[in-house]
Structure formats: structure tokens, C-alpha cells
Amino acid sequence: MKQQKIYAFSSKLNHGMTLREYYAGLAMQSYCTRDLEKGWKKDEIASDAFEMADEMIAIIELGE
């Protein structure tokens, strides 16, 4: 799925992070507040976070 780049904290000087990156960061925070001794691997957490971000953006786009 090709997504348009929507920026989360843009300014005249730069675009900052994309909304996808911002949402992924929020999703990763929820993983980090859990007990990470359950055997979660960092690459799995990052991948899952971006999947969650993609789902959030897809839901937003459905509403437009």
C-alpha cells in the first residue's frame, strides 16, 4: 500500500517526521511499558509498531 506522506511536526525549514513514524513511535511506547522479558525481539516490536501505524492511517483515510 503506497501512502502519501503526511507530516506530524512540519515547519518551514523541514518536514519533521511523517505521521506514520509518529504513530509507530507511539505504538512502540506501549510495547516498552509492558514486560519486555517475555522474549520480544526489538525487530519484531519495530515491525509491529509500523503495522499498527499503517492501520491507524488506513482508518483515517477511510474517513476522508
PDB file of N, CA and C in Angstrom:
ATOM      1  N   MET A   1       0.840  -1.164   0.000  1.00  0.00           N
ATOM      2  CA  MET A   1       0.000   0.000   0.000  1.00  0.00           C
ATOM      3  C   MET A   1       0.893   1.238   0.000  1.00  0.00           C
ATOM      4  N   LYS A   2       0.797   2.040  -1.012  1.00  0.00           N
ATOM      5  CA  LYS A   2       1.563   3.275  -1.124  1.00  0.00           C
ATOM      6  C   LYS A   2       0.811   4.390  -0.439  1.00  0.00           C
ATOM      7  N   GLN A   3       1.435   4.983   0.564  1.00  0.00           N
ATOM      8  CA  GLN A   3       0.787   6.036   1.328  1.00  0.00           C
ATOM      9  C   GLN A   3       1.405   7.387   0.983  1.00  0.00           C
ATOM     10  N   GLN A   4       0.562   8.405   0.995  1.00  0.00           N
ATOM     11  CA  GLN A   4       1.099   9.743   0.834  1.00  0.00           C
ATOM     12  C   GLN A   4       1.791  10.134   2.122  1.00  0.00           C
ATOM     13  N   LYS A   5       2.774  10.981   2.033  1.00  0.00           N
ATOM     14  CA  LYS A   5       3.486  11.406   3.231  1.00  0.00           C
ATOM     15  C   LYS A   5       2.746  12.558   3.887  1.00  0.00           C
ATOM     16  N   ILE A   6       2.275  12.291   5.075  1.00  0.00           N
ATOM     17  CA  ILE A   6       1.630  13.300   5.907  1.00  0.00           C
ATOM     18  C   ILE A   6       2.595  13.554   7.051  1.00  0.00           C
ATOM     19  N   TYR A   7       2.958  14.798   7.278  1.00  0.00           N
ATOM     20  CA  TYR A   7       3.966  15.099   8.279  1.00  0.00           C
ATOM     21  C   TYR A   7       3.343  15.506   9.606  1.00  0.00           C
ATOM     22  N   ALA A   8       3.964  15.043  10.682  1.00  0.00           N
ATOM     23  CA  ALA A   8       3.435  15.277  12.017  1.00  0.00           C
ATOM     24  C   ALA A   8       3.869  16.628  12.568  1.00  0.00           C
ATOM     25  N   PHE A   9       5.065  17.018  12.482  1.00  0.00           N
ATOM     26  CA  PHE A   9       5.527  18.270  13.077  1.00  0.00           C
ATOM     27  C   PHE A   9       6.340  19.044  12.052  1.00  0.00           C
ATOM     28  N   SER A  10       5.681  19.541  11.044  1.00  0.00           N
ATOM     29  CA  SER A  10       6.412  20.222   9.981  1.00  0.00           C
ATOM     30  C   SER A  10       6.602  21.696  10.308  1.00  0.00           C
ATOM     31  N   SER A  11       7.586  22.263   9.670  1.00  0.00           N
ATOM     32  CA  SER A  11       7.836  23.690   9.781  1.00  0.00           C
ATOM     33  C   SER A  11       8.298  24.186   8.421  1.00  0.00           C
ATOM     34  N   LYS A  12       8.592  25.456   8.324  1.00  0.00           N
ATOM     35  CA  LYS A  12       9.082  25.992   7.057  1.00  0.00           C
ATOM     36  C   LYS A  12      10.459  25.450   6.709  1.00  0.00           C
ATOM     37  N   LEU A  13      11.230  25.033   7.720  1.00  0.00           N
ATOM     38  CA  LEU A  13      12.596  24.563   7.484  1.00  0.00           C
ATOM     39  C   LEU A  13      12.678  23.088   7.132  1.00  0.00           C
ATOM     40  N   ASN A  14      11.796  22.286   7.708  1.00  0.00           N
ATOM     41  CA  ASN A  14      11.823  20.861   7.385  1.00  0.00           C
ATOM     42  C   ASN A  14      10.448  20.258   7.618  1.00  0.00           C
ATOM     43  N   HIS A  15      10.298  19.048   7.169  1.00  0.00           N
ATOM     44  CA  HIS A  15       9.018  18.373   7.313  1.00  0.00           C
ATOM     45  C   HIS A  15       8.918  17.584   8.612  1.00  0.00           C
ATOM     46  N   GLY A  16      10.015  17.402   9.316  1.00  0.00           N
ATOM     47  CA  GLY A  16       9.960  16.617  10.543  1.00  0.00           C
ATOM     48  C   GLY A  16       9.674  15.165  10.236  1.00  0.00           C
ATOM     49  N   MET A  17       9.058  14.486  11.171  1.00  0.00           N
ATOM     50  CA  MET A  17       8.748  13.071  10.952  1.00  0.00           C
ATOM     51  C   MET A  17       7.382  12.941  10.297  1.00  0.00           C
ATOM     52  N   THR A  18       7.212  11.818   9.601  1.00  0.00           N
ATOM     53  CA  THR A  18       5.915  11.569   8.985  1.00  0.00           C
ATOM     54  C   THR A  18       4.929  11.152  10.060  1.00  0.00           C
ATOM     55  N   LEU A  19       3.663  11.249   9.737  1.00  0.00           N
ATOM     56  CA  LEU A  19       2.626  10.806  10.662  1.00  0.00           C
ATOM     57  C   LEU A  19       2.795   9.315  10.947  1.00  0.00           C
ATOM     58  N   ARG A  20       3.205   8.553   9.943  1.00  0.00           N
ATOM     59  CA  ARG A  20       3.454   7.111  10.120  1.00  0.00           C
ATOM     60  C   ARG A  20       4.551   6.878  11.151  1.00  0.00           C
ATOM     61  N   GLU A  21       5.635   7.628  11.052  1.00  0.00           N
ATOM     62  CA  GLU A  21       6.732   7.491  12.015  1.00  0.00           C
ATOM     63  C   GLU A  21       6.275   7.896  13.419  1.00  0.00           C
ATOM     64  N   TYR A  22       5.475   8.941  13.500  1.00  0.00           N
ATOM     65  CA  TYR A  22       4.969   9.405  14.788  1.00  0.00           C
ATOM     66  C   TYR A  22       4.074   8.345  15.426  1.00  0.00           C
ATOM     67  N   TYR A  23       3.137   7.810  14.645  1.00  0.00           N
ATOM     68  CA  TYR A  23       2.249   6.770  15.171  1.00  0.00           C
ATOM     69  C   TYR A  23       3.036   5.518  15.577  1.00  0.00           C
ATOM     70  N   ALA A  24       4.036   5.152  14.785  1.00  0.00           N
ATOM     71  CA  ALA A  24       4.856   3.981  15.129  1.00  0.00           C
ATOM     72  C   ALA A  24       5.580   4.208  16.449  1.00  0.00           C
ATOM     73  N   GLY A  25       6.063   5.416  16.662  1.00  0.00           N
ATOM     74  CA  GLY A  25       6.728   5.734  17.928  1.00  0.00           C
ATOM     75  C   GLY A  25       5.785   5.611  19.106  1.00  0.00           C
ATOM     76  N   LEU A  26       4.550   6.049  18.921  1.00  0.00           N
ATOM     77  CA  LEU A  26       3.556   5.914  19.988  1.00  0.00           C
ATOM     78  C   LEU A  26       3.253   4.440  20.256  1.00  0.00           C
ATOM     79  N   ALA A  27       3.135   3.662  19.189  1.00  0.00           N
ATOM     80  CA  ALA A  27       2.866   2.232  19.355  1.00  0.00           C
ATOM     81  C   ALA A  27       4.027   1.536  20.064  1.00  0.00           C
ATOM     82  N   MET A  28       5.256   1.918  19.733  1.00  0.00           N
ATOM     83  CA  MET A  28       6.420   1.319  20.386  1.00  0.00           C
ATOM     84  C   MET A  28       6.440   1.643  21.873  1.00  0.00           C
ATOM     85  N   GLN A  29       5.962   2.822  22.245  1.00  0.00           N
ATOM     86  CA  GLN A  29       5.912   3.171  23.665  1.00  0.00           C
ATOM     87  C   GLN A  29       5.033   2.202  24.438  1.00  0.00           C
ATOM     88  N   SER A  30       3.937   1.773  23.821  1.00  0.00           N
ATOM     89  CA  SER A  30       3.060   0.838  24.524  1.00  0.00           C
ATOM     90  C   SER A  30       3.760  -0.497  24.741  1.00  0.00           C
ATOM     91  N   TYR A  31       4.592  -0.916  23.785  1.00  0.00           N
ATOM     92  CA  TYR A  31       5.367  -2.141  23.971  1.00  0.00           C
ATOM     93  C   TYR A  31       6.387  -1.965  25.097  1.00  0.00           C
ATOM     94  N   CYS A  32       6.996  -0.807  25.147  1.00  0.00           N
ATOM     95  CA  CYS A  32       8.048  -0.561  26.135  1.00  0.00           C
ATOM     96  C   CYS A  32       7.506  -0.467  27.555  1.00  0.00           C
ATOM     97  N   THR A  33       6.221  -0.185  27.712  1.00  0.00           N
ATOM     98  CA  THR A  33       5.649  -0.121  29.048  1.00  0.00           C
ATOM     99  C   THR A  33       5.242  -1.507  29.549  1.00  0.00           C
ATOM    100  N   ARG A  34       5.283  -2.484  28.660  1.00  0.00           N
ATOM    101  CA  ARG A  34       4.956  -3.860  29.044  1.00  0.00           C
ATOM    102  C   ARG A  34       6.219  -4.561  29.522  1.00  0.00           C
ATOM    103  N   ASP A  35       6.045  -5.744  30.021  1.00  0.00           N
ATOM    104  CA  ASP A  35       7.167  -6.560  30.482  1.00  0.00           C
ATOM    105  C   ASP A  35       7.909  -7.118  29.266  1.00  0.00           C
ATOM    106  N   LEU A  36       9.085  -6.559  28.968  1.00  0.00           N
ATOM    107  CA  LEU A  36       9.838  -6.985  27.783  1.00  0.00           C
ATOM    108  C   LEU A  36      10.607  -8.281  28.012  1.00  0.00           C
ATOM    109  N   GLU A  37      10.512  -8.825  29.185  1.00  0.00           N
ATOM    110  CA  GLU A  37      11.200 -10.090  29.455  1.00  0.00           C
ATOM    111  C   GLU A  37      10.425 -11.277  28.897  1.00  0.00           C
ATOM    112  N   LYS A  38       9.374 -11.028  28.178  1.00  0.00           N
ATOM    113  CA  LYS A  38       8.568 -12.100  27.590  1.00  0.00           C
ATOM    114  C   LYS A  38       9.197 -12.650  26.314  1.00  0.00           C
ATOM    115  N   GLY A  39      10.379 -12.166  25.973  1.00  0.00           N
ATOM    116  CA  GLY A  39      11.061 -12.667  24.791  1.00  0.00           C
ATOM    117  C   GLY A  39      10.801 -11.879  23.522  1.00  0.00           C
ATOM    118  N   TRP A  40      10.287 -10.689  23.646  1.00  0.00           N
ATOM    119  CA  TRP A  40      10.043  -9.856  22.474  1.00  0.00           C
ATOM    120  C   TRP A  40      11.383  -9.422  21.890  1.00  0.00           C
ATOM    121  N   LYS A  41      11.487  -9.486  20.602  1.00  0.00           N
ATOM    122  CA  LYS A  41      12.699  -9.039  19.925  1.00  0.00           C
ATOM    123  C   LYS A  41      12.484  -7.622  19.412  1.00  0.00           C
ATOM    124  N   LYS A  42      13.548  -6.827  19.440  1.00  0.00           N
ATOM    125  CA  LYS A  42      13.443  -5.423  19.036  1.00  0.00           C
ATOM    126  C   LYS A  42      12.914  -5.265  17.621  1.00  0.00           C
ATOM    127  N   ASP A  43      13.382  -6.129  16.692  1.00  0.00           N
ATOM    128  CA  ASP A  43      12.917  -6.000  15.311  1.00  0.00           C
ATOM    129  C   ASP A  43      11.435  -6.351  15.183  1.00  0.00           C
ATOM    130  N   GLU A  44      10.953  -7.273  16.011  1.00  0.00           N
ATOM    131  CA  GLU A  44       9.534  -7.608  15.995  1.00  0.00           C
ATOM    132  C   GLU A  44       8.698  -6.451  16.542  1.00  0.00           C
ATOM    133  N   ILE A  45       9.188  -5.824  17.584  1.00  0.00           N
ATOM    134  CA  ILE A  45       8.482  -4.681  18.162  1.00  0.00           C
ATOM    135  C   ILE A  45       8.395  -3.555  17.137  1.00  0.00           C
ATOM    136  N   ALA A  46       9.507  -3.260  16.477  1.00  0.00           N
ATOM    137  CA  ALA A  46       9.516  -2.185  15.479  1.00  0.00           C
ATOM    138  C   ALA A  46       8.582  -2.511  14.319  1.00  0.00           C
ATOM    139  N   SER A  47       8.625  -3.734  13.846  1.00  0.00           N
ATOM    140  CA  SER A  47       7.764  -4.140  12.737  1.00  0.00           C
ATOM    141  C   SER A  47       6.289  -4.045  13.129  1.00  0.00           C
ATOM    142  N   ASP A  48       5.952  -4.547  14.306  1.00  0.00           N
ATOM    143  CA  ASP A  48       4.569  -4.470  14.782  1.00  0.00           C
ATOM    144  C   ASP A  48       4.119  -3.021  14.944  1.00  0.00           C
ATOM    145  N   ALA A  49       5.013  -2.167  15.411  1.00  0.00           N
ATOM    146  CA  ALA A  49       4.663  -0.756  15.610  1.00  0.00           C
ATOM    147  C   ALA A  49       4.308  -0.094  14.280  1.00  0.00           C
ATOM    148  N   PHE A  50       5.069  -0.391  13.229  1.00  0.00           N
ATOM    149  CA  PHE A  50       4.758   0.194  11.922  1.00  0.00           C
ATOM    150  C   PHE A  50       3.484  -0.402  11.335  1.00  0.00           C
ATOM    151  N   GLU A  51       3.213  -1.678  11.616  1.00  0.00           N
ATOM    152  CA  GLU A  51       1.950  -2.265  11.168  1.00  0.00           C
ATOM    153  C   GLU A  51       0.776  -1.554  11.834  1.00  0.00           C
ATOM    154  N   MET A  52       0.912  -1.278  13.123  1.00  0.00           N
ATOM    155  CA  MET A  52      -0.147  -0.558  13.835  1.00  0.00           C
ATOM    156  C   MET A  52      -0.318   0.845  13.266  1.00  0.00           C
ATOM    157  N   ALA A  53       0.795   1.506  12.981  1.00  0.00           N
ATOM    158  CA  ALA A  53       0.743   2.848  12.403  1.00  0.00           C
ATOM    159  C   ALA A  53       0.037   2.826  11.048  1.00  0.00           C
ATOM    160  N   ASP A  54       0.363   1.837  10.224  1.00  0.00           N
ATOM    161  CA  ASP A  54      -0.282   1.719   8.912  1.00  0.00           C
ATOM    162  C   ASP A  54      -1.791   1.521   9.047  1.00  0.00           C
ATOM    163  N   GLU A  55      -2.194   0.727  10.034  1.00  0.00           N
ATOM    164  CA  GLU A  55      -3.626   0.507  10.261  1.00  0.00           C
ATOM    165  C   GLU A  55      -4.316   1.794  10.703  1.00  0.00           C
ATOM    166  N   MET A  56      -3.667   2.559  11.578  1.00  0.00           N
ATOM    167  CA  MET A  56      -4.258   3.818  12.035  1.00  0.00           C
ATOM    168  C   MET A  56      -4.443   4.783  10.857  1.00  0.00           C
ATOM    169  N   ILE A  57      -3.439   4.866  10.008  1.00  0.00           N
ATOM    170  CA  ILE A  57      -3.517   5.760   8.850  1.00  0.00           C
ATOM    171  C   ILE A  57      -4.589   5.278   7.876  1.00  0.00           C
ATOM    172  N   ALA A  58      -4.698   3.966   7.674  1.00  0.00           N
ATOM    173  CA  ALA A  58      -5.727   3.423   6.781  1.00  0.00           C
ATOM    174  C   ALA A  58      -7.129   3.784   7.277  1.00  0.00           C
ATOM    175  N   ILE A  59      -7.327   3.723   8.576  1.00  0.00           N
ATOM    176  CA  ILE A  59      -8.627   4.073   9.150  1.00  0.00           C
ATOM    177  C   ILE A  59      -8.910   5.560   8.944  1.00  0.00           C
ATOM    178  N   ILE A  60      -7.895   6.391   9.127  1.00  0.00           N
ATOM    179  CA  ILE A  60      -8.067   7.832   8.892  1.00  0.00           C
ATOM    180  C   ILE A  60      -8.452   8.095   7.442  1.00  0.00           C
ATOM    181  N   GLU A  61      -7.780   7.412   6.507  1.00  0.00           N
ATOM    182  CA  GLU A  61      -8.040   7.626   5.082  1.00  0.00           C
ATOM    183  C   GLU A  61      -9.437   7.152   4.682  1.00  0.00           C
ATOM    184  N   LEU A  62      -9.967   6.146   5.361  1.00  0.00           N
ATOM    185  CA  LEU A  62     -11.325   5.699   5.079  1.00  0.00           C
ATOM    186  C   LEU A  62     -12.348   6.760   5.429  1.00  0.00           C
ATOM    187  N   GLY A  63     -12.037   7.545   6.439  1.00  0.00           N
ATOM    188  CA  GLY A  63     -12.957   8.588   6.880  1.00  0.00           C
ATOM    189  C   GLY A  63     -12.943   9.830   6.014  1.00  0.00           C
ATOM    190  N   GLU A  64     -11.961   9.959   5.149  1.00  0.00           N
ATOM    191  CA  GLU A  64     -11.864  11.161   4.315  1.00  0.00           C
ATOM    192  C   GLU A  64     -12.724  11.074   3.096  1.00  0.00           C
TER     193      GLU A  64
END
